[in-house]
PDB file of all heavy atoms in Angstrom:
ATOM      1  N   ILE A   1      -2.246  -8.640   2.171  1.00  0.00           N
ATOM      2  CA  ILE A   1      -0.882  -8.822   1.988  1.00  0.00           C
ATOM      3  C   ILE A   1      -0.205  -7.664   1.113  1.00  0.00           C
ATOM      4  O   ILE A   1       0.826  -7.173   1.550  1.00  0.00           O
ATOM      5  CB  ILE A   1      -0.554 -10.187   1.241  1.00  0.00           C
ATOM      6  CG1 ILE A   1      -0.880 -11.373   2.106  1.00  0.00           C
ATOM      7  CG2 ILE A   1       0.974 -10.257   0.865  1.00  0.00           C
ATOM      8  CD1 ILE A   1      -0.125 -11.501   3.420  1.00  0.00           C
ATOM      9  N   ILE A   2      -1.044  -7.275   0.134  1.00  0.00           N
ATOM     10  CA  ILE A   2      -0.544  -6.142  -0.664  1.00  0.00           C
ATOM     11  C   ILE A   2      -0.522  -4.882   0.180  1.00  0.00           C
ATOM     12  O   ILE A   2       0.452  -4.120   0.125  1.00  0.00           O
ATOM     13  CB  ILE A   2      -1.517  -5.883  -1.776  1.00  0.00           C
ATOM     14  CG1 ILE A   2      -1.417  -7.089  -2.854  1.00  0.00           C
ATOM     15  CG2 ILE A   2      -1.257  -4.601  -2.504  1.00  0.00           C
ATOM     16  CD1 ILE A   2      -0.148  -7.170  -3.654  1.00  0.00           C
ATOM     17  N   ALA A   3      -1.544  -4.683   0.960  1.00  0.00           N
ATOM     18  CA  ALA A   3      -1.667  -3.418   1.801  1.00  0.00           C
ATOM     19  C   ALA A   3      -0.480  -3.374   2.800  1.00  0.00           C
ATOM     20  O   ALA A   3       0.119  -2.344   2.999  1.00  0.00           O
ATOM     21  CB  ALA A   3      -2.998  -3.414   2.574  1.00  0.00           C
ATOM     22  N   GLU A   4      -0.112  -4.495   3.389  1.00  0.00           N
ATOM     23  CA  GLU A   4       0.907  -4.592   4.355  1.00  0.00           C
ATOM     24  C   GLU A   4       2.229  -4.175   3.672  1.00  0.00           C
ATOM     25  O   GLU A   4       3.053  -3.521   4.292  1.00  0.00           O
ATOM     26  CB  GLU A   4       0.974  -5.968   4.995  1.00  0.00           C
ATOM     27  CG  GLU A   4      -0.085  -6.281   6.071  1.00  0.00           C
ATOM     28  CD  GLU A   4      -0.167  -7.703   6.534  1.00  0.00           C
ATOM     29  OE1 GLU A   4       0.743  -8.417   6.049  1.00  0.00           O
ATOM     30  OE2 GLU A   4      -0.963  -8.045   7.321  1.00  0.00           O
ATOM     31  N   GLY A   5       2.470  -4.821   2.480  1.00  0.00           N
ATOM     32  CA  GLY A   5       3.684  -4.446   1.779  1.00  0.00           C
ATOM     33  C   GLY A   5       3.817  -3.079   1.385  1.00  0.00           C
ATOM     34  O   GLY A   5       4.779  -2.472   1.471  1.00  0.00           O
ATOM     35  N   VAL A   6       2.677  -2.456   0.932  1.00  0.00           N
ATOM     36  CA  VAL A   6       2.672  -1.043   0.495  1.00  0.00           C
ATOM     37  C   VAL A   6       2.978  -0.202   1.624  1.00  0.00           C
ATOM     38  O   VAL A   6       3.829   0.776   1.613  1.00  0.00           O
ATOM     39  CB  VAL A   6       1.305  -0.736  -0.069  1.00  0.00           C
ATOM     40  CG1 VAL A   6       1.181   0.803  -0.220  1.00  0.00           C
ATOM     41  CG2 VAL A   6       1.128  -1.422  -1.432  1.00  0.00           C
ATOM     42  N   VAL A   7       2.339  -0.382   2.791  1.00  0.00           N
ATOM     43  CA  VAL A   7       2.526   0.435   3.976  1.00  0.00           C
ATOM     44  C   VAL A   7       4.039   0.267   4.460  1.00  0.00           C
ATOM     45  O   VAL A   7       4.682   1.296   4.857  1.00  0.00           O
ATOM     46  CB  VAL A   7       1.604   0.045   5.143  1.00  0.00           C
ATOM     47  CG1 VAL A   7       2.024   0.700   6.412  1.00  0.00           C
ATOM     48  CG2 VAL A   7       0.178   0.378   4.740  1.00  0.00           C
ATOM     49  N   GLU A   8       4.549  -0.856   4.504  1.00  0.00           N
ATOM     50  CA  GLU A   8       5.865  -1.077   4.983  1.00  0.00           C
ATOM     51  C   GLU A   8       6.925  -0.524   4.158  1.00  0.00           C
ATOM     52  O   GLU A   8       7.896   0.208   4.570  1.00  0.00           O
ATOM     53  CB  GLU A   8       6.239  -2.635   5.089  1.00  0.00           C
ATOM     54  CG  GLU A   8       7.595  -2.967   5.668  1.00  0.00           C
ATOM     55  CD  GLU A   8       7.797  -4.437   5.861  1.00  0.00           C
ATOM     56  OE1 GLU A   8       6.685  -5.171   6.116  1.00  0.00           O
ATOM     57  OE2 GLU A   8       8.901  -4.934   5.679  1.00  0.00           O
ATOM     58  N   ALA A   9       6.709  -0.594   2.811  1.00  0.00           N
ATOM     59  CA  ALA A   9       7.663  -0.037   1.879  1.00  0.00           C
ATOM     60  C   ALA A   9       7.576   1.545   1.877  1.00  0.00           C
ATOM     61  O   ALA A   9       8.561   2.188   1.785  1.00  0.00           O
ATOM     62  CB  ALA A   9       7.316  -0.525   0.399  1.00  0.00           C
ATOM     63  N   ALA A  10       6.384   2.096   1.896  1.00  0.00           N
ATOM     64  CA  ALA A  10       6.210   3.520   1.946  1.00  0.00           C
ATOM     65  C   ALA A  10       6.922   4.080   3.125  1.00  0.00           C
ATOM     66  O   ALA A  10       7.419   5.266   3.038  1.00  0.00           O
ATOM     67  CB  ALA A  10       4.659   3.854   1.960  1.00  0.00           C
ATOM     68  N   LYS A  11       6.881   3.440   4.277  1.00  0.00           N
ATOM     69  CA  LYS A  11       7.454   3.957   5.486  1.00  0.00           C
ATOM     70  C   LYS A  11       8.940   3.882   5.398  1.00  0.00           C
ATOM     71  O   LYS A  11       9.744   4.737   5.774  1.00  0.00           O
ATOM     72  CB  LYS A  11       6.926   3.242   6.715  1.00  0.00           C
ATOM     73  CG  LYS A  11       5.477   3.552   7.077  1.00  0.00           C
ATOM     74  CD  LYS A  11       4.992   2.667   8.293  1.00  0.00           C
ATOM     75  CE  LYS A  11       3.595   3.240   8.635  1.00  0.00           C
ATOM     76  NZ  LYS A  11       3.106   2.479   9.796  1.00  0.00           N
ATOM     77  N   GLU A  12       9.494   2.781   4.808  1.00  0.00           N
ATOM     78  CA  GLU A  12      10.899   2.538   4.715  1.00  0.00           C
ATOM     79  C   GLU A  12      11.608   3.592   3.781  1.00  0.00           C
ATOM     80  O   GLU A  12      12.699   4.033   4.040  1.00  0.00           O
ATOM     81  CB  GLU A  12      11.287   1.153   4.201  1.00  0.00           C
ATOM     82  CG  GLU A  12      11.198   0.087   5.220  1.00  0.00           C
ATOM     83  CD  GLU A  12      11.771  -1.324   4.694  1.00  0.00           C
ATOM     84  OE1 GLU A  12      12.666  -1.249   4.030  1.00  0.00           O
ATOM     85  OE2 GLU A  12      11.144  -2.314   5.094  1.00  0.00           O
ATOM     86  N   VAL A  13      10.857   3.924   2.749  1.00  0.00           N
ATOM     87  CA  VAL A  13      11.565   4.785   1.641  1.00  0.00           C
ATOM     88  C   VAL A  13      11.123   6.181   1.903  1.00  0.00           C
ATOM     89  O   VAL A  13      11.454   7.160   1.126  1.00  0.00           O
ATOM     90  CB  VAL A  13      11.169   4.357   0.247  1.00  0.00           C
ATOM     91  CG1 VAL A  13      11.707   3.002   0.057  1.00  0.00           C
ATOM     92  CG2 VAL A  13       9.651   4.418  -0.022  1.00  0.00           C
ATOM     93  N   ASN A  14      10.266   6.509   2.911  1.00  0.00           N
ATOM     94  CA  ASN A  14       9.852   7.912   3.118  1.00  0.00           C
ATOM     95  C   ASN A  14       9.110   8.518   1.937  1.00  0.00           C
ATOM     96  O   ASN A  14       9.534   9.435   1.373  1.00  0.00           O
ATOM     97  CB  ASN A  14      10.942   8.797   3.553  1.00  0.00           C
ATOM     98  CG  ASN A  14      10.557  10.081   4.169  1.00  0.00           C
ATOM     99  OD1 ASN A  14       9.359  10.250   4.610  1.00  0.00           O
ATOM    100  ND2 ASN A  14      11.355  11.169   4.037  1.00  0.00           N
ATOM    101  N   LEU A  15       8.064   7.873   1.593  1.00  0.00           N
ATOM    102  CA  LEU A  15       7.356   8.167   0.266  1.00  0.00           C
ATOM    103  C   LEU A  15       6.980   9.588   0.185  1.00  0.00           C
ATOM    104  O   LEU A  15       6.484  10.175   1.062  1.00  0.00           O
ATOM    105  CB  LEU A  15       5.976   7.332   0.260  1.00  0.00           C
ATOM    106  CG  LEU A  15       5.097   7.457  -0.947  1.00  0.00           C
ATOM    107  CD1 LEU A  15       5.926   6.802  -2.191  1.00  0.00           C
ATOM    108  CD2 LEU A  15       3.755   6.797  -0.817  1.00  0.00           C
ATOM    109  N   SER A  16       7.401  10.172  -1.114  1.00  0.00           N
ATOM    110  CA  SER A  16       7.191  11.600  -1.225  1.00  0.00           C
ATOM    111  C   SER A  16       6.426  11.863  -2.596  1.00  0.00           C
ATOM    112  O   SER A  16       6.309  13.015  -2.959  1.00  0.00           O
ATOM    113  CB  SER A  16       8.555  12.335  -1.305  1.00  0.00           C
ATOM    114  OG  SER A  16       9.393  11.718  -2.382  1.00  0.00           O
ATOM    115  N   VAL A  17       5.926  10.756  -3.186  1.00  0.00           N
ATOM    116  CA  VAL A  17       5.153  10.989  -4.384  1.00  0.00           C
ATOM    117  C   VAL A  17       3.696  10.395  -4.135  1.00  0.00           C
ATOM    118  O   VAL A  17       3.421   9.618  -3.303  1.00  0.00           O
ATOM    119  CB  VAL A  17       5.688  10.201  -5.640  1.00  0.00           C
ATOM    120  CG1 VAL A  17       7.130  10.691  -5.894  1.00  0.00           C
ATOM    121  CG2 VAL A  17       5.751   8.727  -5.355  1.00  0.00           C
ATOM    122  N   PRO A  18       2.655  11.033  -4.873  1.00  0.00           N
ATOM    123  CA  PRO A  18       1.256  10.551  -4.700  1.00  0.00           C
ATOM    124  C   PRO A  18       1.156   8.987  -4.870  1.00  0.00           C
ATOM    125  O   PRO A  18       1.860   8.457  -5.762  1.00  0.00           O
ATOM    126  CB  PRO A  18       0.531  11.286  -5.830  1.00  0.00           C
ATOM    127  CG  PRO A  18       1.396  12.446  -6.058  1.00  0.00           C
ATOM    128  CD  PRO A  18       2.791  11.939  -5.991  1.00  0.00           C
ATOM    129  N   LEU A  19       0.322   8.452  -4.115  1.00  0.00           N
ATOM    130  CA  LEU A  19       0.033   7.005  -4.110  1.00  0.00           C
ATOM    131  C   LEU A  19      -1.399   6.708  -4.245  1.00  0.00           C
ATOM    132  O   LEU A  19      -2.152   7.198  -3.274  1.00  0.00           O
ATOM    133  CB  LEU A  19       0.626   6.245  -2.928  1.00  0.00           C
ATOM    134  CG  LEU A  19       0.302   4.828  -2.786  1.00  0.00           C
ATOM    135  CD1 LEU A  19       0.789   3.985  -3.890  1.00  0.00           C
ATOM    136  CD2 LEU A  19       0.879   4.256  -1.410  1.00  0.00           C
ATOM    137  N   VAL A  20      -1.940   6.049  -5.257  1.00  0.00           N
ATOM    138  CA  VAL A  20      -3.319   5.764  -5.364  1.00  0.00           C
ATOM    139  C   VAL A  20      -3.407   4.229  -5.353  1.00  0.00           C
ATOM    140  O   VAL A  20      -2.611   3.486  -6.011  1.00  0.00           O
ATOM    141  CB  VAL A  20      -3.931   6.201  -6.738  1.00  0.00           C
ATOM    142  CG1 VAL A  20      -5.256   5.720  -6.815  1.00  0.00           C
ATOM    143  CG2 VAL A  20      -3.931   7.723  -6.768  1.00  0.00           C
ATOM    144  N   VAL A  21      -4.290   3.686  -4.510  1.00  0.00           N
ATOM    145  CA  VAL A  21      -4.402   2.236  -4.416  1.00  0.00           C
ATOM    146  C   VAL A  21      -5.805   1.794  -4.684  1.00  0.00           C
ATOM    147  O   VAL A  21      -6.718   2.383  -4.068  1.00  0.00           O
ATOM    148  CB  VAL A  21      -4.010   1.685  -2.958  1.00  0.00           C
ATOM    149  CG1 VAL A  21      -4.183   0.210  -2.822  1.00  0.00           C
ATOM    150  CG2 VAL A  21      -2.597   2.056  -2.664  1.00  0.00           C
ATOM    151  N   ARG A  22      -6.021   0.793  -5.508  1.00  0.00           N
ATOM    152  CA  ARG A  22      -7.291   0.246  -5.779  1.00  0.00           C
ATOM    153  C   ARG A  22      -7.255  -1.187  -5.449  1.00  0.00           C
ATOM    154  O   ARG A  22      -6.491  -1.919  -6.096  1.00  0.00           O
ATOM    155  CB  ARG A  22      -7.683   0.482  -7.245  1.00  0.00           C
ATOM    156  CG  ARG A  22      -9.067  -0.169  -7.564  1.00  0.00           C
ATOM    157  CD  ARG A  22      -9.005  -1.447  -8.391  1.00  0.00           C
ATOM    158  NE  ARG A  22     -10.183  -2.028  -8.807  1.00  0.00           N
ATOM    159  CZ  ARG A  22     -10.307  -2.947  -9.790  1.00  0.00           C
ATOM    160  NH1 ARG A  22      -9.339  -3.382 -10.351  1.00  0.00           N
ATOM    161  NH2 ARG A  22     -11.543  -3.431 -10.065  1.00  0.00           N
ATOM    162  N   LEU A  23      -8.020  -1.598  -4.451  1.00  0.00           N
ATOM    163  CA  LEU A  23      -8.035  -3.016  -4.071  1.00  0.00           C
ATOM    164  C   LEU A  23      -9.432  -3.625  -4.280  1.00  0.00           C
ATOM    165  O   LEU A  23     -10.470  -2.915  -4.057  1.00  0.00           O
ATOM    166  CB  LEU A  23      -7.736  -3.206  -2.573  1.00  0.00           C
ATOM    167  CG  LEU A  23      -6.351  -2.644  -2.065  1.00  0.00           C
ATOM    168  CD1 LEU A  23      -6.192  -2.815  -0.569  1.00  0.00           C
ATOM    169  CD2 LEU A  23      -5.222  -3.493  -2.746  1.00  0.00           C
ATOM    170  N   GLU A  24      -9.440  -4.866  -4.695  1.00  0.00           N
ATOM    171  CA  GLU A  24     -10.793  -5.554  -4.862  1.00  0.00           C
ATOM    172  C   GLU A  24     -10.468  -7.064  -4.796  1.00  0.00           C
ATOM    173  O   GLU A  24      -9.420  -7.565  -5.226  1.00  0.00           O
ATOM    174  CB  GLU A  24     -11.393  -5.209  -6.202  1.00  0.00           C
ATOM    175  CG  GLU A  24     -12.752  -5.699  -6.446  1.00  0.00           C
ATOM    176  CD  GLU A  24     -13.674  -5.055  -5.385  1.00  0.00           C
ATOM    177  OE1 GLU A  24     -14.005  -3.886  -5.497  1.00  0.00           O
ATOM    178  OE2 GLU A  24     -14.205  -5.852  -4.545  1.00  0.00           O
ATOM    179  N   GLY A  25     -11.365  -7.772  -4.064  1.00  0.00           N
ATOM    180  CA  GLY A  25     -11.231  -9.151  -4.015  1.00  0.00           C
ATOM    181  C   GLY A  25     -11.059  -9.715  -2.599  1.00  0.00           C
ATOM    182  O   GLY A  25     -11.546  -9.189  -1.647  1.00  0.00           O
ATOM    183  N   THR A  26     -10.156 -10.736  -2.531  1.00  0.00           N
ATOM    184  CA  THR A  26     -10.027 -11.477  -1.242  1.00  0.00           C
ATOM    185  C   THR A  26      -9.438 -10.528  -0.123  1.00  0.00           C
ATOM    186  O   THR A  26      -8.414  -9.949  -0.301  1.00  0.00           O
ATOM    187  CB  THR A  26      -9.118 -12.651  -1.506  1.00  0.00           C
ATOM    188  OG1 THR A  26      -9.576 -13.499  -2.454  1.00  0.00           O
ATOM    189  CG2 THR A  26      -8.909 -13.506  -0.125  1.00  0.00           C
ATOM    190  N   ASN A  27     -10.154 -10.541   1.039  1.00  0.00           N
ATOM    191  CA  ASN A  27      -9.753  -9.759   2.236  1.00  0.00           C
ATOM    192  C   ASN A  27      -9.598  -8.208   1.816  1.00  0.00           C
ATOM    193  O   ASN A  27      -8.769  -7.489   2.350  1.00  0.00           O
ATOM    194  CB  ASN A  27      -8.422 -10.179   2.708  1.00  0.00           C
ATOM    195  CG  ASN A  27      -8.459 -11.587   3.374  1.00  0.00           C
ATOM    196  OD1 ASN A  27      -9.615 -12.059   3.496  1.00  0.00           O
ATOM    197  ND2 ASN A  27      -7.380 -12.026   3.890  1.00  0.00           N
ATOM    198  N   VAL A  28     -10.465  -7.761   0.911  1.00  0.00           N
ATOM    199  CA  VAL A  28     -10.381  -6.334   0.527  1.00  0.00           C
ATOM    200  C   VAL A  28     -10.684  -5.370   1.703  1.00  0.00           C
ATOM    201  O   VAL A  28     -10.015  -4.309   1.872  1.00  0.00           O
ATOM    202  CB  VAL A  28     -11.324  -6.075  -0.585  1.00  0.00           C
ATOM    203  CG1 VAL A  28     -12.840  -6.255  -0.290  1.00  0.00           C
ATOM    204  CG2 VAL A  28     -11.172  -4.615  -1.059  1.00  0.00           C
ATOM    205  N   ASP A  29     -11.640  -5.770   2.589  1.00  0.00           N
ATOM    206  CA  ASP A  29     -11.962  -4.837   3.640  1.00  0.00           C
ATOM    207  C   ASP A  29     -10.842  -4.784   4.628  1.00  0.00           C
ATOM    208  O   ASP A  29     -10.418  -3.692   5.140  1.00  0.00           O
ATOM    209  CB  ASP A  29     -13.176  -5.316   4.457  1.00  0.00           C
ATOM    210  CG  ASP A  29     -14.432  -5.218   3.579  1.00  0.00           C
ATOM    211  OD1 ASP A  29     -14.504  -4.328   2.687  1.00  0.00           O
ATOM    212  OD2 ASP A  29     -15.459  -5.935   3.839  1.00  0.00           O
TER     213      ASP A  29
END
């Protein structure tokens, strides 16, 4: 869910700053 939100938001705002994501836990793969 987090990953989908991050991707959707990054595409909407045309992300231009570095993004680091650390995921761990449920459905991490």
